[in-house]
Amino acid sequence: MSLRTKYRILKATTITIGALSIPWGTFIGFCFGEGRYSTALVALSVQVAVSVADGFIWFWVLENMRAKMENEPVKSANEAAS
């Protein structure tokens, strides 16, 4: 798997996690509002852990992949087709 492909996969993963955190946060808010504090605290703890992991993934992508992508030779459309 090329570095560009890895970069795109990790980028899509962080975008997906970010998009899913919005309804997840809404669920946590409803749990707190209904008085289901134990469920809300567990969900909030998991959301924080996922957000921290997502941040570390994106930080790693930005720090390590950018320099490697600049050094990787870019194939032209003619080379990729053959």
N, C-alpha and C. Protein backbone atom coordinates (compact mmCIF):
# COMPACT_ATOMS: atom_id res chain seq x y z
N MET A 1 0.85 -1.17 0.00
CA MET A 1 0.00 0.00 0.00
C MET A 1 0.90 1.24 0.00
N SER A 2 0.61 2.16 -0.87
CA SER A 2 1.44 3.35 -0.99
C SER A 2 1.16 4.31 0.17
N LEU A 3 2.07 5.23 0.36
CA LEU A 3 1.92 6.21 1.43
C LEU A 3 0.72 7.11 1.19
N ARG A 4 0.47 7.44 -0.05
CA ARG A 4 -0.69 8.28 -0.36
C ARG A 4 -2.00 7.57 0.02
N THR A 5 -2.06 6.28 -0.22
CA THR A 5 -3.26 5.52 0.12
C THR A 5 -3.44 5.47 1.63
N LYS A 6 -2.35 5.23 2.37
CA LYS A 6 -2.43 5.22 3.83
C LYS A 6 -2.89 6.58 4.34
N TYR A 7 -2.36 7.63 3.78
CA TYR A 7 -2.73 8.99 4.18
C TYR A 7 -4.21 9.22 3.96
N ARG A 8 -4.71 8.82 2.81
CA ARG A 8 -6.13 9.02 2.50
C ARG A 8 -7.03 8.20 3.43
N ILE A 9 -6.62 6.97 3.74
CA ILE A 9 -7.41 6.12 4.64
C ILE A 9 -7.47 6.73 6.04
N LEU A 10 -6.32 7.16 6.55
CA LEU A 10 -6.29 7.75 7.88
C LEU A 10 -7.05 9.08 7.91
N LYS A 11 -6.97 9.85 6.84
CA LYS A 11 -7.71 11.10 6.77
C LYS A 11 -9.21 10.84 6.77
N ALA A 12 -9.65 9.86 6.00
CA ALA A 12 -11.07 9.52 5.97
C ALA A 12 -11.54 8.98 7.33
N THR A 13 -10.67 8.25 8.00
CA THR A 13 -11.01 7.73 9.33
C THR A 13 -11.24 8.86 10.32
N THR A 14 -10.36 9.85 10.32
CA THR A 14 -10.53 10.96 11.26
C THR A 14 -11.76 11.80 10.91
N ILE A 15 -12.06 11.96 9.64
CA ILE A 15 -13.26 12.70 9.25
C ILE A 15 -14.51 11.95 9.70
N THR A 16 -14.52 10.63 9.54
CA THR A 16 -15.66 9.82 9.95
C THR A 16 -15.86 9.87 11.46
N ILE A 17 -14.77 9.75 12.21
CA ILE A 17 -14.87 9.83 13.67
C ILE A 17 -15.42 11.19 14.09
N GLY A 18 -14.95 12.25 13.44
CA GLY A 18 -15.46 13.58 13.74
C GLY A 18 -16.94 13.71 13.44
N ALA A 19 -17.39 13.14 12.34
CA ALA A 19 -18.81 13.22 11.98
C ALA A 19 -19.67 12.39 12.93
N LEU A 20 -19.17 11.27 13.38
CA LEU A 20 -19.95 10.43 14.29
C LEU A 20 -19.97 10.98 15.72
N SER A 21 -19.03 11.84 16.05
CA SER A 21 -19.00 12.38 17.41
C SER A 21 -20.15 13.35 17.66
N ILE A 22 -20.72 13.94 16.61
CA ILE A 22 -21.83 14.87 16.80
C ILE A 22 -23.08 14.15 17.32
N PRO A 23 -23.57 13.09 16.66
CA PRO A 23 -24.73 12.40 17.24
C PRO A 23 -24.39 11.70 18.55
N TRP A 24 -23.16 11.25 18.70
CA TRP A 24 -22.74 10.61 19.94
C TRP A 24 -22.83 11.61 21.10
N GLY A 25 -22.38 12.83 20.87
CA GLY A 25 -22.48 13.87 21.89
C GLY A 25 -23.92 14.22 22.20
N THR A 26 -24.78 14.19 21.20
CA THR A 26 -26.20 14.44 21.42
C THR A 26 -26.80 13.35 22.29
N PHE A 27 -26.43 12.10 22.03
CA PHE A 27 -26.89 10.98 22.86
C PHE A 27 -26.46 11.17 24.31
N ILE A 28 -25.22 11.58 24.50
CA ILE A 28 -24.72 11.80 25.86
C ILE A 28 -25.52 12.91 26.55
N GLY A 29 -25.82 13.96 25.81
CA GLY A 29 -26.63 15.04 26.37
C GLY A 29 -28.02 14.58 26.78
N PHE A 30 -28.65 13.76 25.95
CA PHE A 30 -29.96 13.23 26.30
C PHE A 30 -29.88 12.33 27.53
N CYS A 31 -28.82 11.53 27.62
CA CYS A 31 -28.67 10.66 28.78
C CYS A 31 -28.54 11.48 30.06
N PHE A 32 -27.73 12.53 30.02
CA PHE A 32 -27.63 13.39 31.20
C PHE A 32 -28.97 14.06 31.50
N GLY A 33 -29.68 14.50 30.48
CA GLY A 33 -30.97 15.16 30.68
C GLY A 33 -32.03 14.24 31.25
N GLU A 34 -31.99 12.95 30.89
CA GLU A 34 -32.97 11.99 31.40
C GLU A 34 -32.59 11.45 32.76
N GLY A 35 -31.39 11.78 33.23
CA GLY A 35 -30.96 11.28 34.53
C GLY A 35 -30.25 9.94 34.49
N ARG A 36 -29.91 9.47 33.30
CA ARG A 36 -29.17 8.21 33.18
C ARG A 36 -27.67 8.53 33.26
N TYR A 37 -27.24 8.89 34.45
CA TYR A 37 -25.89 9.40 34.64
C TYR A 37 -24.82 8.34 34.41
N SER A 38 -25.07 7.12 34.82
CA SER A 38 -24.04 6.09 34.65
C SER A 38 -23.81 5.80 33.16
N THR A 39 -24.87 5.72 32.38
CA THR A 39 -24.74 5.51 30.93
C THR A 39 -24.05 6.70 30.28
N ALA A 40 -24.44 7.90 30.71
CA ALA A 40 -23.85 9.10 30.13
C ALA A 40 -22.36 9.21 30.45
N LEU A 41 -21.98 8.88 31.67
CA LEU A 41 -20.56 8.97 32.06
C LEU A 41 -19.71 7.94 31.31
N VAL A 42 -20.25 6.74 31.14
CA VAL A 42 -19.51 5.72 30.37
C VAL A 42 -19.36 6.17 28.92
N ALA A 43 -20.45 6.63 28.33
CA ALA A 43 -20.41 7.09 26.93
C ALA A 43 -19.48 8.29 26.78
N LEU A 44 -19.51 9.19 27.74
CA LEU A 44 -18.63 10.36 27.70
C LEU A 44 -17.16 9.95 27.81
N SER A 45 -16.87 9.00 28.69
CA SER A 45 -15.49 8.51 28.83
C SER A 45 -14.98 7.86 27.55
N VAL A 46 -15.84 7.07 26.93
CA VAL A 46 -15.46 6.43 25.67
C VAL A 46 -15.27 7.48 24.57
N GLN A 47 -16.14 8.48 24.55
CA GLN A 47 -16.01 9.53 23.54
C GLN A 47 -14.71 10.30 23.72
N VAL A 48 -14.33 10.59 24.94
CA VAL A 48 -13.07 11.29 25.19
C VAL A 48 -11.89 10.43 24.73
N ALA A 49 -11.92 9.14 25.04
CA ALA A 49 -10.83 8.25 24.62
C ALA A 49 -10.73 8.18 23.10
N VAL A 50 -11.87 8.09 22.43
CA VAL A 50 -11.87 8.03 20.96
C VAL A 50 -11.37 9.35 20.39
N SER A 51 -11.76 10.46 20.97
CA SER A 51 -11.31 11.77 20.49
C SER A 51 -9.81 11.95 20.67
N VAL A 52 -9.28 11.49 21.79
CA VAL A 52 -7.83 11.59 22.01
C VAL A 52 -7.09 10.70 21.01
N ALA A 53 -7.58 9.49 20.80
CA ALA A 53 -6.95 8.60 19.82
C ALA A 53 -7.01 9.21 18.42
N ASP A 54 -8.14 9.81 18.08
CA ASP A 54 -8.31 10.46 16.79
C ASP A 54 -7.32 11.61 16.63
N GLY A 55 -7.13 12.37 17.67
CA GLY A 55 -6.17 13.47 17.64
C GLY A 55 -4.75 12.98 17.44
N PHE A 56 -4.39 11.91 18.13
CA PHE A 56 -3.06 11.35 17.95
C PHE A 56 -2.86 10.79 16.56
N ILE A 57 -3.88 10.15 16.00
CA ILE A 57 -3.79 9.64 14.63
C ILE A 57 -3.53 10.78 13.66
N TRP A 58 -4.32 11.85 13.78
CA TRP A 58 -4.17 12.95 12.84
C TRP A 58 -2.84 13.66 13.02
N PHE A 59 -2.39 13.81 14.27
CA PHE A 59 -1.09 14.41 14.52
C PHE A 59 0.01 13.58 13.87
N TRP A 60 -0.08 12.26 14.00
CA TRP A 60 0.92 11.37 13.40
C TRP A 60 0.90 11.50 11.88
N VAL A 61 -0.30 11.57 11.33
CA VAL A 61 -0.41 11.72 9.87
C VAL A 61 0.28 13.00 9.42
N LEU A 62 -0.03 14.10 10.09
CA LEU A 62 0.55 15.37 9.68
C LEU A 62 2.06 15.41 9.84
N GLU A 63 2.57 14.86 10.91
CA GLU A 63 4.00 14.92 11.19
C GLU A 63 4.82 13.96 10.33
N ASN A 64 4.32 12.77 10.10
CA ASN A 64 5.13 11.73 9.46
C ASN A 64 4.85 11.53 7.98
N MET A 65 3.62 11.68 7.57
CA MET A 65 3.29 11.33 6.20
C MET A 65 3.61 12.44 5.21
N ARG A 66 3.51 13.67 5.63
CA ARG A 66 3.72 14.78 4.69
C ARG A 66 5.14 14.76 4.12
N ALA A 67 6.14 14.60 4.97
CA ALA A 67 7.51 14.57 4.49
C ALA A 67 7.77 13.35 3.60
N LYS A 68 7.18 12.22 3.96
CA LYS A 68 7.37 11.01 3.16
C LYS A 68 6.68 11.14 1.81
N MET A 69 5.51 11.78 1.78
CA MET A 69 4.81 11.94 0.51
C MET A 69 5.58 12.86 -0.43
N GLU A 70 6.22 13.87 0.12
CA GLU A 70 6.98 14.79 -0.72
C GLU A 70 8.19 14.09 -1.34
N ASN A 71 8.74 13.10 -0.66
CA ASN A 71 9.90 12.38 -1.18
C ASN A 71 9.52 11.24 -2.12
N GLU A 72 8.27 10.79 -2.07
CA GLU A 72 7.83 9.69 -2.92
C GLU A 72 7.64 10.19 -4.34
N PRO A 73 8.17 9.47 -5.33
CA PRO A 73 7.98 9.91 -6.72
C PRO A 73 6.51 9.80 -7.12
N VAL A 74 6.07 10.78 -7.87
CA VAL A 74 4.68 10.82 -8.33
C VAL A 74 4.62 10.18 -9.71
N LYS A 75 3.72 9.21 -9.88
CA LYS A 75 3.57 8.55 -11.17
C LYS A 75 2.67 9.40 -12.05
N SER A 76 3.06 9.51 -13.30
CA SER A 76 2.21 10.24 -14.23
C SER A 76 1.06 9.34 -14.65
N ALA A 77 0.07 9.91 -15.31
CA ALA A 77 -1.11 9.16 -15.74
C ALA A 77 -0.70 8.07 -16.75
N ASN A 78 0.29 8.33 -17.57
CA ASN A 78 0.73 7.34 -18.56
C ASN A 78 1.39 6.15 -17.89
N GLU A 79 2.18 6.38 -16.83
CA GLU A 79 2.84 5.27 -16.13
C GLU A 79 1.83 4.47 -15.35
N ALA A 80 0.83 5.10 -14.76
CA ALA A 80 -0.16 4.38 -13.96
C ALA A 80 -1.04 3.49 -14.84
N ALA A 81 -1.29 3.88 -16.07
CA ALA A 81 -2.15 3.11 -16.98
C ALA A 81 -1.45 1.87 -17.50
N SER A 82 -0.14 1.89 -17.56
CA SER A 82 0.56 0.73 -18.13
C SER A 82 0.86 -0.34 -17.15
